C-alpha atoms as a PDB file:
ATOM      1  CA  MET A   1      -7.053   4.047  10.570  1.00  0.00           C
ATOM      2  CA  HIS A   2      -6.985   1.285  13.140  1.00  0.00           C
ATOM      3  CA  GLY A   3      -6.099  -2.278  12.360  1.00  0.00           C
ATOM      4  CA  ASN A   4      -5.748  -5.613  14.043  1.00  0.00           C
ATOM      5  CA  ASP A   5      -3.156  -6.053  16.772  1.00  0.00           C
ATOM      6  CA  LEU A   6      -0.721  -8.345  14.932  1.00  0.00           C
ATOM      7  CA  PRO A   7       2.997  -9.051  15.119  1.00  0.00           C
ATOM      8  CA  ILE A   8       4.813  -6.966  12.510  1.00  0.00           C
ATOM      9  CA  ARG A   9       6.686  -8.795   9.785  1.00  0.00           C
ATOM     10  CA  LEU A  10       9.056  -6.679   7.719  1.00  0.00           C
ATOM     11  CA  VAL A  11       9.146  -7.298   3.982  1.00  0.00           C
ATOM     12  CA  SER A  12      12.237  -5.675   2.475  1.00  0.00           C
ATOM     13  CA  ARG A  13      13.693  -5.334  -0.978  1.00  0.00           C
ATOM     14  CA  ASP A  14      17.079  -6.916  -1.676  1.00  0.00           C
ATOM     15  CA  ALA A  15      20.318  -4.948  -1.426  1.00  0.00           C
ATOM     16  CA  ALA A  16      20.371  -4.132  -5.174  1.00  0.00           C
ATOM     17  CA  SER A  17      17.051  -2.273  -4.993  1.00  0.00           C
ATOM     18  CA  GLY A  18      16.896   1.462  -5.634  1.00  0.00           C
ATOM     19  CA  THR A  19      13.636   1.558  -3.679  1.00  0.00           C
ATOM     20  CA  ARG A  20      15.426   0.080  -0.669  1.00  0.00           C
ATOM     21  CA  ARG A  21      18.222   2.604  -1.004  1.00  0.00           C
ATOM     22  CA  ALA A  22      15.698   5.473  -1.095  1.00  0.00           C
ATOM     23  CA  PHE A  23      13.890   4.051   1.960  1.00  0.00           C
ATOM     24  CA  GLU A  24      17.090   3.660   3.964  1.00  0.00           C
ATOM     25  CA  THR A  25      18.354   7.116   2.947  1.00  0.00           C
ATOM     26  CA  SER A  26      15.207   9.213   3.249  1.00  0.00           C
ATOM     27  CA  VAL A  27      13.206   7.443   5.966  1.00  0.00           C
ATOM     28  CA  LEU A  28      15.462   5.319   8.168  1.00  0.00           C
ATOM     29  CA  HIS A  29      18.688   7.312   7.769  1.00  0.00           C
ATOM     30  CA  ARG A  30      20.521   4.007   8.254  1.00  0.00           C
ATOM     31  CA  SER A  31      20.445   0.389   7.116  1.00  0.00           C
ATOM     32  CA  GLU A  32      17.329  -1.661   7.611  1.00  0.00           C
ATOM     33  CA  PRO A  33      17.146  -3.223  11.080  1.00  0.00           C
ATOM     34  CA  GLY A  34      17.544  -6.888  11.836  1.00  0.00           C
ATOM     35  CA  VAL A  35      18.823  -9.881   9.972  1.00  0.00           C
ATOM     36  CA  VAL A  36      16.904 -11.686   7.266  1.00  0.00           C
ATOM     37  CA  SER A  37      15.127 -14.265   9.406  1.00  0.00           C
ATOM     38  CA  SER A  38      12.413 -15.556   7.085  1.00  0.00           C
ATOM     39  CA  TYR A  39      12.173 -17.259   3.719  1.00  0.00           C
ATOM     40  CA  ASP A  40       8.378 -16.968   3.436  1.00  0.00           C
ATOM     41  CA  CYS A  41       7.944 -13.545   5.126  1.00  0.00           C
ATOM     42  CA  GLY A  42       5.559 -15.067   7.672  1.00  0.00           C
ATOM     43  CA  ASP A  43       7.670 -17.130  10.055  1.00  0.00           C
ATOM     44  CA  LYS A  44      11.215 -17.079  11.393  1.00  0.00           C
ATOM     45  CA  ASP A  45      12.015 -20.165   9.335  1.00  0.00           C
ATOM     46  CA  ARG A  46      15.530 -18.957   8.497  1.00  0.00           C
ATOM     47  CA  ASP A  47      16.750 -17.689  11.892  1.00  0.00           C
ATOM     48  CA  GLU A  48      14.543 -18.490  14.889  1.00  0.00           C
ATOM     49  CA  ARG A  49      16.789 -16.464  17.245  1.00  0.00           C
ATOM     50  CA  ALA A  50      16.335 -13.212  15.320  1.00  0.00           C
ATOM     51  CA  ARG A  51      14.645 -10.325  17.112  1.00  0.00           C
ATOM     52  CA  LEU A  52      12.466  -9.457  14.078  1.00  0.00           C
ATOM     53  CA  THR A  53      10.673 -11.447  11.420  1.00  0.00           C
ATOM     54  CA  ARG A  54      12.163 -10.000   8.239  1.00  0.00           C
ATOM     55  CA  CYS A  55      12.396 -11.288   4.685  1.00  0.00           C
ATOM     56  CA  GLU A  56      13.858  -9.902   1.472  1.00  0.00           C
ATOM     57  CA  VAL A  57      12.278 -10.095  -1.962  1.00  0.00           C
ATOM     58  CA  ASN A  58      13.631  -9.079  -5.362  1.00  0.00           C
ATOM     59  CA  GLY A  59      10.871  -6.948  -6.854  1.00  0.00           C
ATOM     60  CA  THR A  60       7.850  -4.736  -6.328  1.00  0.00           C
ATOM     61  CA  LYS A  61       5.359  -7.459  -7.262  1.00  0.00           C
ATOM     62  CA  SER A  62       6.960  -9.973  -4.863  1.00  0.00           C
ATOM     63  CA  LEU A  63       6.954  -7.400  -2.076  1.00  0.00           C
ATOM     64  CA  LEU A  64       3.318  -6.468  -2.601  1.00  0.00           C
ATOM     65  CA  ASP A  65       2.335 -10.144  -2.883  1.00  0.00           C
ATOM     66  CA  ALA A  66       3.924 -10.777   0.535  1.00  0.00           C
ATOM     67  CA  VAL A  67       2.350  -7.701   2.152  1.00  0.00           C
ATOM     68  CA  ASP A  68      -1.025  -8.721   0.698  1.00  0.00           C
ATOM     69  CA  ARG A  69      -0.640 -12.341   1.879  1.00  0.00           C
ATOM     70  CA  VAL A  70       1.031 -12.092   5.311  1.00  0.00           C
ATOM     71  CA  PRO A  71      -0.993 -10.691   8.228  1.00  0.00           C
ATOM     72  CA  GLY A  72       0.928  -7.880   9.915  1.00  0.00           C
ATOM     73  CA  ALA A  73       3.341  -7.428   7.002  1.00  0.00           C
ATOM     74  CA  LEU A  74       4.903  -4.026   6.479  1.00  0.00           C
ATOM     75  CA  GLY A  75       6.859  -3.153   3.333  1.00  0.00           C
ATOM     76  CA  TYR A  76       7.611  -0.320   0.929  1.00  0.00           C
ATOM     77  CA  ALA A  77       6.929   0.006  -2.771  1.00  0.00           C
ATOM     78  CA  GLU A  78       6.193   2.424  -5.576  1.00  0.00           C
ATOM     79  CA  GLY A  79       2.916   4.206  -4.840  1.00  0.00           C
ATOM     80  CA  TYR A  80       0.899   3.366  -7.946  1.00  0.00           C
ATOM     81  CA  ALA A  81       1.661  -0.354  -7.748  1.00  0.00           C
ATOM     82  CA  ALA A  82       0.699  -0.433  -4.062  1.00  0.00           C
ATOM     83  CA  ALA A  83      -2.539   1.461  -4.734  1.00  0.00           C
ATOM     84  CA  GLN A  84      -3.627  -1.298  -7.139  1.00  0.00           C
ATOM     85  CA  ARG A  85      -3.737  -3.808  -4.260  1.00  0.00           C
ATOM     86  CA  LYS A  86      -7.068  -4.058  -2.476  1.00  0.00           C
ATOM     87  CA  HIS A  87      -5.643  -4.975   0.949  1.00  0.00           C
ATOM     88  CA  VAL A  88      -2.510  -2.817   0.903  1.00  0.00           C
ATOM     89  CA  VAL A  89      -2.865   0.602   2.521  1.00  0.00           C
ATOM     90  CA  SER A  90      -0.443   3.520   2.545  1.00  0.00           C
ATOM     91  CA  VAL A  91       1.253   4.560   5.754  1.00  0.00           C
ATOM     92  CA  ARG A  92       1.421   8.120   7.021  1.00  0.00           C
ATOM     93  CA  LEU A  93       4.957   9.291   7.773  1.00  0.00           C
ATOM     94  CA  ASN A  94       5.423  12.283  10.074  1.00  0.00           C
ATOM     95  CA  GLY A  95       1.670  12.814   9.778  1.00  0.00           C
ATOM     96  CA  TYR A  96       1.689  13.051   5.963  1.00  0.00           C
ATOM     97  CA  GLU A  97       0.067  10.885   3.310  1.00  0.00           C
ATOM     98  CA  PRO A  98       2.015  10.195   0.101  1.00  0.00           C
ATOM     99  CA  ASP A  99       1.013  12.703  -2.587  1.00  0.00           C
ATOM    100  CA  ILE A 100       2.304  13.353  -6.102  1.00  0.00           C
ATOM    101  CA  GLU A 101       1.772  17.112  -5.947  1.00  0.00           C
ATOM    102  CA  TRP A 102       5.168  18.628  -5.206  1.00  0.00           C
ATOM    103  CA  GLY A 103       3.887  21.080  -2.602  1.00  0.00           C
ATOM    104  CA  ARG A 104       2.483  18.186  -0.573  1.00  0.00           C
ATOM    105  CA  GLN A 105       4.825  15.398  -1.695  1.00  0.00           C
ATOM    106  CA  ARG A 106       7.966  17.008  -0.336  1.00  0.00           C
ATOM    107  CA  ASP A 107       6.543  16.734   3.198  1.00  0.00           C
ATOM    108  CA  TYR A 108       6.269  12.945   2.854  1.00  0.00           C
ATOM    109  CA  PRO A 109       9.854  11.776   3.380  1.00  0.00           C
ATOM    110  CA  PHE A 110       9.796   8.690   1.152  1.00  0.00           C
ATOM    111  CA  TRP A 111      10.370   9.715  -2.456  1.00  0.00           C
ATOM    112  CA  THR A 112      13.235   9.876  -4.900  1.00  0.00           C
ATOM    113  CA  VAL A 113      14.084  11.135  -8.370  1.00  0.00           C
ATOM    114  CA  GLU A 114      14.667   8.837 -11.341  1.00  0.00           C
ATOM    115  CA  TYR A 115      17.254  10.216 -13.775  1.00  0.00           C
ATOM    116  CA  LEU A 116      17.906   9.309 -17.420  1.00  0.00           C
ATOM    117  CA  TYR A 117      21.512   9.281 -18.615  1.00  0.00           C
ATOM    118  CA  THR A 118      23.085   9.130 -22.061  1.00  0.00           C
ATOM    119  CA  TYR A 119      26.620   8.515 -23.221  1.00  0.00           C
ATOM    120  CA  GLY A 120      27.343  11.929 -24.673  1.00  0.00           C
ATOM    121  CA  ARG A 121      24.813  14.115 -26.439  1.00  0.00           C
ATOM    122  CA  PRO A 122      22.513  12.066 -28.684  1.00  0.00           C
ATOM    123  CA  GLU A 123      22.545  12.838 -32.398  1.00  0.00           C
ATOM    124  CA  ASP A 124      19.638  14.951 -33.642  1.00  0.00           C
ATOM    125  CA  GLY A 125      16.907  12.706 -35.000  1.00  0.00           C
ATOM    126  CA  SER A 126      18.291   9.593 -33.253  1.00  0.00           C
ATOM    127  CA  LEU A 127      15.969   7.286 -31.345  1.00  0.00           C
ATOM    128  CA  THR A 128      17.584   8.455 -28.090  1.00  0.00           C
ATOM    129  CA  ALA A 129      17.009  12.133 -28.944  1.00  0.00           C
ATOM    130  CA  LYS A 130      13.396  11.389 -29.857  1.00  0.00           C
ATOM    131  CA  PHE A 131      12.863   9.491 -26.605  1.00  0.00           C
ATOM    132  CA  LEU A 132      14.314  12.336 -24.532  1.00  0.00           C
ATOM    133  CA  ALA A 133      12.106  14.853 -26.357  1.00  0.00           C
ATOM    134  CA  PHE A 134       9.100  12.621 -25.679  1.00  0.00           C
ATOM    135  CA  MET A 135       9.970  12.428 -21.959  1.00  0.00           C
ATOM    136  CA  ASP A 136       9.815  16.246 -21.854  1.00  0.00           C
ATOM    137  CA  SER A 137       6.388  16.372 -23.543  1.00  0.00           C
ATOM    138  CA  ASP A 138       2.883  16.873 -22.164  1.00  0.00           C
ATOM    139  CA  THR A 139       2.002  13.339 -23.289  1.00  0.00           C
ATOM    140  CA  ALA A 140       4.766  11.840 -21.148  1.00  0.00           C
ATOM    141  CA  LYS A 141       3.838  14.153 -18.280  1.00  0.00           C
ATOM    142  CA  ASN A 142       0.252  12.893 -18.366  1.00  0.00           C
ATOM    143  CA  ILE A 143       1.348   9.257 -18.490  1.00  0.00           C
ATOM    144  CA  MET A 144       3.685   9.762 -15.529  1.00  0.00           C
ATOM    145  CA  ARG A 145       0.981  11.535 -13.516  1.00  0.00           C
ATOM    146  CA  MET A 146      -1.426   8.657 -14.306  1.00  0.00           C
ATOM    147  CA  TYR A 147       1.088   6.333 -12.584  1.00  0.00           C
ATOM    148  CA  LYS A 148       1.495   8.770  -9.648  1.00  0.00           C
ATOM    149  CA  HIS A 149       4.952  10.101 -10.555  1.00  0.00           C
ATOM    150  CA  VAL A 150       5.916  13.776 -10.509  1.00  0.00           C
ATOM    151  CA  PRO A 151       7.219  14.547 -14.019  1.00  0.00           C
ATOM    152  CA  CYS A 152      10.114  16.889 -14.684  1.00  0.00           C
ATOM    153  CA  ALA A 153       8.165  18.103 -17.709  1.00  0.00           C
ATOM    154  CA  ASP A 154       6.083  19.940 -15.101  1.00  0.00           C
ATOM    155  CA  ARG A 155       9.083  21.993 -13.984  1.00  0.00           C
ATOM    156  CA  GLN A 156       7.138  24.987 -12.663  1.00  0.00           C
ATOM    157  CA  SER A 157       5.977  22.980  -9.631  1.00  0.00           C
ATOM    158  CA  LEU A 158       9.387  21.459  -8.875  1.00  0.00           C
ATOM    159  CA  PRO A 159      12.491  22.978  -7.331  1.00  0.00           C
ATOM    160  CA  ALA A 160      15.273  23.587  -9.866  1.00  0.00           C
ATOM    161  CA  THR A 161      17.570  21.169  -8.028  1.00  0.00           C
ATOM    162  CA  VAL A 162      15.249  18.194  -8.675  1.00  0.00           C
ATOM    163  CA  CYS A 163      15.137  18.269 -12.484  1.00  0.00           C
ATOM    164  CA  ARG A 164      18.522  18.805 -14.018  1.00  0.00           C
ATOM    165  CA  PRO A 165      18.984  19.171 -17.796  1.00  0.00           C
END
């Protein structure tokens, strides 16, 4: 896909973001480049001397709003949320499109696993135990797939190291 020749403006998540951590770890293999030079994600209105135009936002919606609004903006977000935006397109990495099927997804370097934790083993019949059982069900699997996530309930297509009991 070819686009307009525009200056790139980086839209990043803030330092507390798990999405940012996954992006830095799996794609960049280092911290994000450049200083935060923009408040509005469009102009260097925070640091005119900066090499890059880069802003930070605190959530997926804010990031996608900026990418949708600012010509030349480049950011990263959860796949389903990005796919809901008419003007936001996915980016190929190493020649691969993002894909939720494990056989194809593992070639796209930007993904991570979300884990659930409990304090000790939940009591049988407790709300926590019921929630964990639900998360391992076909119903939960179908809901997760609808939102473009690879569910651990579908263990046969995932490596054992991804889904830990």
